[in-house]
PDB file of N, CA and C in Angstrom:
ATOM      1  N   MET A   1       0.840  -1.167   0.000  1.00  0.00           N
ATOM      2  CA  MET A   1       0.000   0.000   0.000  1.00  0.00           C
ATOM      3  C   MET A   1       0.896   1.244   0.000  1.00  0.00           C
ATOM      4  N   LEU A   2       0.550   2.156  -0.860  1.00  0.00           N
ATOM      5  CA  LEU A   2       1.305   3.399  -0.955  1.00  0.00           C
ATOM      6  C   LEU A   2       0.814   4.379   0.101  1.00  0.00           C
ATOM      7  N   GLN A   3       1.757   5.066   0.751  1.00  0.00           N
ATOM      8  CA  GLN A   3       1.374   6.027   1.786  1.00  0.00           C
ATOM      9  C   GLN A   3       1.960   7.411   1.553  1.00  0.00           C
ATOM     10  N   ASP A   4       3.038   7.486   0.813  1.00  0.00           N
ATOM     11  CA  ASP A   4       3.668   8.773   0.520  1.00  0.00           C
ATOM     12  C   ASP A   4       2.816   9.530  -0.500  1.00  0.00           C
ATOM     13  N   THR A   5       2.521  10.789  -0.223  1.00  0.00           N
ATOM     14  CA  THR A   5       1.599  11.535  -1.097  1.00  0.00           C
ATOM     15  C   THR A   5       2.146  11.716  -2.511  1.00  0.00           C
ATOM     16  N   LEU A   6       3.432  11.969  -2.638  1.00  0.00           N
ATOM     17  CA  LEU A   6       4.004  12.151  -3.973  1.00  0.00           C
ATOM     18  C   LEU A   6       3.971  10.842  -4.765  1.00  0.00           C
ATOM     19  N   THR A   7       4.247   9.743  -4.090  1.00  0.00           N
ATOM     20  CA  THR A   7       4.198   8.439  -4.744  1.00  0.00           C
ATOM     21  C   THR A   7       2.770   8.112  -5.182  1.00  0.00           C
ATOM     22  N   ILE A   8       1.810   8.480  -4.381  1.00  0.00           N
ATOM     23  CA  ILE A   8       0.399   8.257  -4.729  1.00  0.00           C
ATOM     24  C   ILE A   8       0.034   9.067  -5.968  1.00  0.00           C
ATOM     25  N   ARG A   9       0.540  10.281  -6.065  1.00  0.00           N
ATOM     26  CA  ARG A   9       0.280  11.096  -7.268  1.00  0.00           C
ATOM     27  C   ARG A   9       0.867  10.443  -8.510  1.00  0.00           C
ATOM     28  N   TYR A  10       2.093   9.923  -8.382  1.00  0.00           N
ATOM     29  CA  TYR A  10       2.697   9.224  -9.518  1.00  0.00           C
ATOM     30  C   TYR A  10       1.874   7.996  -9.896  1.00  0.00           C
ATOM     31  N   TYR A  11       1.389   7.279  -8.899  1.00  0.00           N
ATOM     32  CA  TYR A  11       0.547   6.102  -9.152  1.00  0.00           C
ATOM     33  C   TYR A  11      -0.724   6.503  -9.896  1.00  0.00           C
ATOM     34  N   GLN A  12      -1.356   7.575  -9.456  1.00  0.00           N
ATOM     35  CA  GLN A  12      -2.579   8.030 -10.116  1.00  0.00           C
ATOM     36  C   GLN A  12      -2.315   8.443 -11.556  1.00  0.00           C
ATOM     37  N   LYS A  13      -1.199   9.120 -11.785  1.00  0.00           N
ATOM     38  CA  LYS A  13      -0.847   9.503 -13.157  1.00  0.00           C
ATOM     39  C   LYS A  13      -0.607   8.273 -14.019  1.00  0.00           C
ATOM     40  N   LEU A  14       0.078   7.280 -13.457  1.00  0.00           N
ATOM     41  CA  LEU A  14       0.345   6.051 -14.203  1.00  0.00           C
ATOM     42  C   LEU A  14      -0.938   5.311 -14.548  1.00  0.00           C
ATOM     43  N   THR A  15      -1.807   5.129 -13.564  1.00  0.00           N
ATOM     44  CA  THR A  15      -3.027   4.368 -13.825  1.00  0.00           C
ATOM     45  C   THR A  15      -3.944   5.102 -14.793  1.00  0.00           C
ATOM     46  N   ASP A  16      -3.993   6.427 -14.698  1.00  0.00           N
ATOM     47  CA  ASP A  16      -4.770   7.196 -15.681  1.00  0.00           C
ATOM     48  C   ASP A  16      -4.192   7.018 -17.079  1.00  0.00           C
ATOM     49  N   ALA A  17      -2.864   7.017 -17.174  1.00  0.00           N
ATOM     50  CA  ALA A  17      -2.213   6.822 -18.470  1.00  0.00           C
ATOM     51  C   ALA A  17      -2.487   5.416 -19.008  1.00  0.00           C
ATOM     52  N   PHE A  18      -2.488   4.422 -18.119  1.00  0.00           N
ATOM     53  CA  PHE A  18      -2.784   3.053 -18.558  1.00  0.00           C
ATOM     54  C   PHE A  18      -4.172   2.968 -19.184  1.00  0.00           C
ATOM     55  N   VAL A  19      -5.144   3.556 -18.536  1.00  0.00           N
ATOM     56  CA  VAL A  19      -6.516   3.519 -19.054  1.00  0.00           C
ATOM     57  C   VAL A  19      -6.597   4.254 -20.388  1.00  0.00           C
ATOM     58  N   GLU A  20      -5.939   5.400 -20.482  1.00  0.00           N
ATOM     59  CA  GLU A  20      -5.925   6.158 -21.734  1.00  0.00           C
ATOM     60  C   GLU A  20      -5.268   5.357 -22.849  1.00  0.00           C
ATOM     61  N   LEU A  21      -4.135   4.741 -22.546  1.00  0.00           N
ATOM     62  CA  LEU A  21      -3.452   3.915 -23.548  1.00  0.00           C
ATOM     63  C   LEU A  21      -4.319   2.744 -23.977  1.00  0.00           C
ATOM     64  N   TRP A  22      -4.982   2.105 -23.022  1.00  0.00           N
ATOM     65  CA  TRP A  22      -5.864   0.972 -23.330  1.00  0.00           C
ATOM     66  C   TRP A  22      -6.983   1.417 -24.271  1.00  0.00           C
ATOM     67  N   ASN A  23      -7.578   2.570 -23.972  1.00  0.00           N
ATOM     68  CA  ASN A  23      -8.673   3.075 -24.805  1.00  0.00           C
ATOM     69  C   ASN A  23      -8.206   3.466 -26.204  1.00  0.00           C
ATOM     70  N   ARG A  24      -6.931   3.766 -26.352  1.00  0.00           N
ATOM     71  CA  ARG A  24      -6.380   4.100 -27.666  1.00  0.00           C
ATOM     72  C   ARG A  24      -5.877   2.871 -28.413  1.00  0.00           C
ATOM     73  N   GLY A  25      -6.043   1.682 -27.819  1.00  0.00           N
ATOM     74  CA  GLY A  25      -5.716   0.458 -28.525  1.00  0.00           C
ATOM     75  C   GLY A  25      -4.409  -0.209 -28.126  1.00  0.00           C
ATOM     76  N   TYR A  26      -3.680   0.371 -27.195  1.00  0.00           N
ATOM     77  CA  TYR A  26      -2.456  -0.264 -26.723  1.00  0.00           C
ATOM     78  C   TYR A  26      -2.811  -1.399 -25.779  1.00  0.00           C
ATOM     79  N   ARG A  27      -1.935  -2.378 -25.678  1.00  0.00           N
ATOM     80  CA  ARG A  27      -2.201  -3.517 -24.809  1.00  0.00           C
ATOM     81  C   ARG A  27      -1.105  -3.659 -23.760  1.00  0.00           C
ATOM     82  N   THR A  28      -1.192  -4.687 -22.972  1.00  0.00           N
ATOM     83  CA  THR A  28      -0.373  -4.856 -21.778  1.00  0.00           C
ATOM     84  C   THR A  28       1.125  -4.742 -22.045  1.00  0.00           C
ATOM     85  N   ASP A  29       1.622  -5.357 -23.091  1.00  0.00           N
ATOM     86  CA  ASP A  29       3.062  -5.283 -23.377  1.00  0.00           C
ATOM     87  C   ASP A  29       3.514  -3.844 -23.627  1.00  0.00           C
ATOM     88  N   ASP A  30       2.704  -3.095 -24.357  1.00  0.00           N
ATOM     89  CA  ASP A  30       3.029  -1.699 -24.628  1.00  0.00           C
ATOM     90  C   ASP A  30       3.008  -0.873 -23.338  1.00  0.00           C
ATOM     91  N   MET A  31       2.008  -1.137 -22.500  1.00  0.00           N
ATOM     92  CA  MET A  31       1.897  -0.391 -21.263  1.00  0.00           C
ATOM     93  C   MET A  31       3.004  -0.762 -20.275  1.00  0.00           C
ATOM     94  N   ARG A  32       3.480  -1.994 -20.353  1.00  0.00           N
ATOM     95  CA  ARG A  32       4.603  -2.391 -19.505  1.00  0.00           C
ATOM     96  C   ARG A  32       5.862  -1.619 -19.905  1.00  0.00           C
ATOM     97  N   MET A  33       6.061  -1.421 -21.204  1.00  0.00           N
ATOM     98  CA  MET A  33       7.202  -0.623 -21.659  1.00  0.00           C
ATOM     99  C   MET A  33       7.052   0.832 -21.199  1.00  0.00           C
ATOM    100  N   TYR A  34       5.832   1.341 -21.242  1.00  0.00           N
ATOM    101  CA  TYR A  34       5.568   2.702 -20.746  1.00  0.00           C
ATOM    102  C   TYR A  34       5.932   2.786 -19.263  1.00  0.00           C
ATOM    103  N   LEU A  35       5.502   1.794 -18.490  1.00  0.00           N
ATOM    104  CA  LEU A  35       5.806   1.760 -17.061  1.00  0.00           C
ATOM    105  C   LEU A  35       7.312   1.705 -16.820  1.00  0.00           C
ATOM    106  N   ASP A  36       8.009   0.876 -17.566  1.00  0.00           N
ATOM    107  CA  ASP A  36       9.460   0.773 -17.408  1.00  0.00           C
ATOM    108  C   ASP A  36      10.145   2.114 -17.679  1.00  0.00           C
ATOM    109  N   GLY A  37       9.708   2.813 -18.707  1.00  0.00           N
ATOM    110  CA  GLY A  37      10.273   4.119 -19.021  1.00  0.00           C
ATOM    111  C   GLY A  37       9.956   5.151 -17.952  1.00  0.00           C
ATOM    112  N   TYR A  38       8.741   5.116 -17.455  1.00  0.00           N
ATOM    113  CA  TYR A  38       8.317   6.041 -16.403  1.00  0.00           C
ATOM    114  C   TYR A  38       9.160   5.842 -15.152  1.00  0.00           C
ATOM    115  N   LEU A  39       9.347   4.577 -14.772  1.00  0.00           N
ATOM    116  CA  LEU A  39      10.138   4.268 -13.582  1.00  0.00           C
ATOM    117  C   LEU A  39      11.607   4.639 -13.774  1.00  0.00           C
ATOM    118  N   ALA A  40      12.123   4.418 -14.972  1.00  0.00           N
ATOM    119  CA  ALA A  40      13.509   4.796 -15.256  1.00  0.00           C
ATOM    120  C   ALA A  40      13.683   6.306 -15.121  1.00  0.00           C
ATOM    121  N   ALA A  41      12.700   7.065 -15.586  1.00  0.00           N
ATOM    122  CA  ALA A  41      12.775   8.519 -15.466  1.00  0.00           C
ATOM    123  C   ALA A  41      12.744   8.948 -13.996  1.00  0.00           C
ATOM    124  N   LEU A  42      11.913   8.279 -13.190  1.00  0.00           N
ATOM    125  CA  LEU A  42      11.878   8.599 -11.763  1.00  0.00           C
ATOM    126  C   LEU A  42      13.213   8.278 -11.095  1.00  0.00           C
ATOM    127  N   ARG A  43      13.796   7.143 -11.472  1.00  0.00           N
ATOM    128  CA  ARG A  43      15.087   6.759 -10.891  1.00  0.00           C
ATOM    129  C   ARG A  43      16.177   7.762 -11.258  1.00  0.00           C
ATOM    130  N   ASN A  44      16.208   8.177 -12.504  1.00  0.00           N
ATOM    131  CA  ASN A  44      17.247   9.105 -12.966  1.00  0.00           C
ATOM    132  C   ASN A  44      17.071  10.515 -12.416  1.00  0.00           C
ATOM    133  N   SER A  45      15.842  10.883 -12.132  1.00  0.00           N
ATOM    134  CA  SER A  45      15.596  12.239 -11.632  1.00  0.00           C
ATOM    135  C   SER A  45      15.711  12.332 -10.119  1.00  0.00           C
ATOM    136  N   ASN A  46      15.794  11.181  -9.452  1.00  0.00           N
ATOM    137  CA  ASN A  46      15.823  11.153  -7.980  1.00  0.00           C
ATOM    138  C   ASN A  46      14.624  11.888  -7.379  1.00  0.00           C
ATOM    139  N   ALA A  47      13.486  11.779  -8.036  1.00  0.00           N
ATOM    140  CA  ALA A  47      12.281  12.472  -7.596  1.00  0.00           C
ATOM    141  C   ALA A  47      11.775  11.928  -6.264  1.00  0.00           C
ATOM    142  N   ILE A  48      11.866  10.613  -6.095  1.00  0.00           N
ATOM    143  CA  ILE A  48      11.473   9.975  -4.835  1.00  0.00           C
ATOM    144  C   ILE A  48      12.509   8.910  -4.498  1.00  0.00           C
ATOM    145  N   GLU A  49      12.451   8.442  -3.284  1.00  0.00           N
ATOM    146  CA  GLU A  49      13.416   7.450  -2.801  1.00  0.00           C
ATOM    147  C   GLU A  49      13.288   6.136  -3.574  1.00  0.00           C
ATOM    148  N   PRO A  50      14.404   5.426  -3.753  1.00  0.00           N
ATOM    149  CA  PRO A  50      14.366   4.166  -4.499  1.00  0.00           C
ATOM    150  C   PRO A  50      13.381   3.129  -3.947  1.00  0.00           C
ATOM    151  N   PHE A  51      13.247   3.033  -2.624  1.00  0.00           N
ATOM    152  CA  PHE A  51      12.304   2.048  -2.087  1.00  0.00           C
ATOM    153  C   PHE A  51      10.862   2.429  -2.414  1.00  0.00           C
ATOM    154  N   LEU A  52      10.577   3.735  -2.542  1.00  0.00           N
ATOM    155  CA  LEU A  52       9.236   4.167  -2.941  1.00  0.00           C
ATOM    156  C   LEU A  52       8.982   3.862  -4.414  1.00  0.00           C
ATOM    157  N   ILE A  53      10.010   3.984  -5.220  1.00  0.00           N
ATOM    158  CA  ILE A  53       9.884   3.625  -6.638  1.00  0.00           C
ATOM    159  C   ILE A  53       9.594   2.136  -6.762  1.00  0.00           C
ATOM    160  N   HIS A  54      10.255   1.334  -5.939  1.00  0.00           N
ATOM    161  CA  HIS A  54      10.012  -0.109  -5.966  1.00  0.00           C
ATOM    162  C   HIS A  54       8.565  -0.421  -5.580  1.00  0.00           C
ATOM    163  N   ARG A  55       8.064   0.236  -4.539  1.00  0.00           N
ATOM    164  CA  ARG A  55       6.664   0.030  -4.143  1.00  0.00           C
ATOM    165  C   ARG A  55       5.706   0.500  -5.236  1.00  0.00           C
ATOM    166  N   LEU A  56       6.034   1.626  -5.847  1.00  0.00           N
ATOM    167  CA  LEU A  56       5.216   2.127  -6.951  1.00  0.00           C
ATOM    168  C   LEU A  56       5.180   1.121  -8.089  1.00  0.00           C
ATOM    169  N   GLU A  57       6.327   0.539  -8.401  1.00  0.00           N
ATOM    170  CA  GLU A  57       6.382  -0.468  -9.464  1.00  0.00           C
ATOM    171  C   GLU A  57       5.512  -1.668  -9.124  1.00  0.00           C
ATOM    172  N   GLU A  58       5.567  -2.129  -7.891  1.00  0.00           N
ATOM    173  CA  GLU A  58       4.743  -3.271  -7.490  1.00  0.00           C
ATOM    174  C   GLU A  58       3.261  -2.972  -7.635  1.00  0.00           C
ATOM    175  N   GLU A  59       2.843  -1.812  -7.145  1.00  0.00           N
ATOM    176  CA  GLU A  59       1.423  -1.460  -7.202  1.00  0.00           C
ATOM    177  C   GLU A  59       0.960  -1.207  -8.638  1.00  0.00           C
ATOM    178  N   ALA A  60       1.767  -0.542  -9.423  1.00  0.00           N
ATOM    179  CA  ALA A  60       1.397  -0.262 -10.811  1.00  0.00           C
ATOM    180  C   ALA A  60       1.341  -1.550 -11.630  1.00  0.00           C
ATOM    181  N   THR A  61       2.252  -2.473 -11.357  1.00  0.00           N
ATOM    182  CA  THR A  61       2.239  -3.754 -12.053  1.00  0.00           C
ATOM    183  C   THR A  61       1.000  -4.548 -11.676  1.00  0.00           C
ATOM    184  N   ARG A  62       0.650  -4.521 -10.414  1.00  0.00           N
ATOM    185  CA  ARG A  62      -0.575  -5.204  -9.963  1.00  0.00           C
ATOM    186  C   ARG A  62      -1.785  -4.618 -10.675  1.00  0.00           C
ATOM    187  N   TYR A  63      -1.853  -3.306 -10.782  1.00  0.00           N
ATOM    188  CA  TYR A  63      -2.952  -2.643 -11.485  1.00  0.00           C
ATOM    189  C   TYR A  63      -2.970  -3.047 -12.957  1.00  0.00           C
ATOM    190  N   LEU A  64      -1.800  -3.052 -13.569  1.00  0.00           N
ATOM    191  CA  LEU A  64      -1.679  -3.329 -14.995  1.00  0.00           C
ATOM    192  C   LEU A  64      -2.180  -4.720 -15.347  1.00  0.00           C
ATOM    193  N   TYR A  65      -1.880  -5.713 -14.515  1.00  0.00           N
ATOM    194  CA  TYR A  65      -2.233  -7.088 -14.833  1.00  0.00           C
ATOM    195  C   TYR A  65      -3.582  -7.526 -14.258  1.00  0.00           C
ATOM    196  N   ASP A  66      -4.319  -6.610 -13.662  1.00  0.00           N
ATOM    197  CA  ASP A  66      -5.671  -6.901 -13.193  1.00  0.00           C
ATOM    198  C   ASP A  66      -6.640  -6.534 -14.314  1.00  0.00           C
ATOM    199  N   ALA A  67      -7.164  -7.537 -14.973  1.00  0.00           N
ATOM    200  CA  ALA A  67      -8.012  -7.316 -16.154  1.00  0.00           C
ATOM    201  C   ALA A  67      -9.265  -6.508 -15.844  1.00  0.00           C
ATOM    202  N   SER A  68      -9.726  -6.538 -14.601  1.00  0.00           N
ATOM    203  CA  SER A  68     -10.953  -5.806 -14.276  1.00  0.00           C
ATOM    204  C   SER A  68     -10.761  -4.293 -14.385  1.00  0.00           C
ATOM    205  N   ASN A  69      -9.536  -3.818 -14.369  1.00  0.00           N
ATOM    206  CA  ASN A  69      -9.291  -2.382 -14.501  1.00  0.00           C
ATOM    207  C   ASN A  69      -9.518  -1.885 -15.924  1.00  0.00           C
ATOM    208  N   PHE A  70      -9.558  -2.796 -16.874  1.00  0.00           N
ATOM    209  CA  PHE A  70      -9.707  -2.402 -18.272  1.00  0.00           C
ATOM    210  C   PHE A  70     -10.973  -2.969 -18.909  1.00  0.00           C
ATOM    211  N   ALA A  71     -11.835  -3.542 -18.092  1.00  0.00           N
ATOM    212  CA  ALA A  71     -13.077  -4.109 -18.606  1.00  0.00           C
ATOM    213  C   ALA A  71     -14.026  -2.983 -19.001  1.00  0.00           C
ATOM    214  N   VAL A  72     -14.633  -3.128 -20.145  1.00  0.00           N
ATOM    215  CA  VAL A  72     -15.596  -2.141 -20.618  1.00  0.00           C
ATOM    216  C   VAL A  72     -16.956  -2.511 -20.035  1.00  0.00           C
ATOM    217  N   VAL A  73     -17.534  -1.584 -19.326  1.00  0.00           N
ATOM    218  CA  VAL A  73     -18.828  -1.828 -18.705  1.00  0.00           C
ATOM    219  C   VAL A  73     -19.905  -1.656 -19.756  1.00  0.00           C
ATOM    220  N   GLN A  74     -20.693  -2.690 -19.933  1.00  0.00           N
ATOM    221  CA  GLN A  74     -21.800  -2.644 -20.879  1.00  0.00           C
ATOM    222  C   GLN A  74     -23.080  -2.298 -20.124  1.00  0.00           C
ATOM    223  N   PRO A  75     -23.825  -1.318 -20.594  1.00  0.00           N
ATOM    224  CA  PRO A  75     -25.071  -0.984 -19.897  1.00  0.00           C
ATOM    225  C   PRO A  75     -26.073  -2.126 -20.013  1.00  0.00           C
ATOM    226  N   GLU A  76     -26.832  -2.288 -18.961  1.00  0.00           N
ATOM    227  CA  GLU A  76     -27.863  -3.321 -18.970  1.00  0.00           C
ATOM    228  C   GLU A  76     -29.015  -2.864 -19.854  1.00  0.00           C
ATOM    229  N   PRO A  77     -29.510  -3.767 -20.707  1.00  0.00           N
ATOM    230  CA  PRO A  77     -30.673  -3.372 -21.518  1.00  0.00           C
ATOM    231  C   PRO A  77     -31.889  -3.188 -20.623  1.00  0.00           C
ATOM    232  N   GLU A  78     -32.695  -2.208 -20.982  1.00  0.00           N
ATOM    233  CA  GLU A  78     -33.909  -1.984 -20.212  1.00  0.00           C
ATOM    234  C   GLU A  78     -34.904  -3.090 -20.517  1.00  0.00           C
ATOM    235  N   PRO A  79     -35.590  -3.555 -19.498  1.00  0.00           N
ATOM    236  CA  PRO A  79     -36.579  -4.609 -19.757  1.00  0.00           C
ATOM    237  C   PRO A  79     -37.697  -4.071 -20.641  1.00  0.00           C
ATOM    238  N   GLY A  80     -38.055  -4.866 -21.636  1.00  0.00           N
ATOM    239  CA  GLY A  80     -39.115  -4.438 -22.549  1.00  0.00           C
ATOM    240  C   GLY A  80     -40.498  -4.764 -21.988  1.00  0.00           C
ATOM    241  N   TYR A  81     -41.390  -3.853 -22.146  1.00  0.00           N
ATOM    242  CA  TYR A  81     -42.770  -4.061 -21.703  1.00  0.00           C
ATOM    243  C   TYR A  81     -43.630  -4.184 -22.947  1.00  0.00           C
ATOM    244  N   TYR A  82     -43.761  -5.400 -23.410  1.00  0.00           N
ATOM    245  CA  TYR A  82     -44.532  -5.636 -24.620  1.00  0.00           C
ATOM    246  C   TYR A  82     -45.823  -6.301 -24.305  1.00  0.00           C
TER     247      TYR A  82
END
């Protein structure tokens, strides 16, 4: 569980980006490369501590591989009164 506020913001940005990428037709392998690049940028910028980056990676990976996060909700048809 993430507790650092800055790390939580990065997580929210990542998960929002994952959903956007999914809606544009990208799939898990592409999003994993996006995540790897994002994490590399955080590591190189020293924006947050390395152990927080590791926790962020764990949580973002868990989100990425949970299919329910990308399921398209279909509206229920209204019952017909015939």
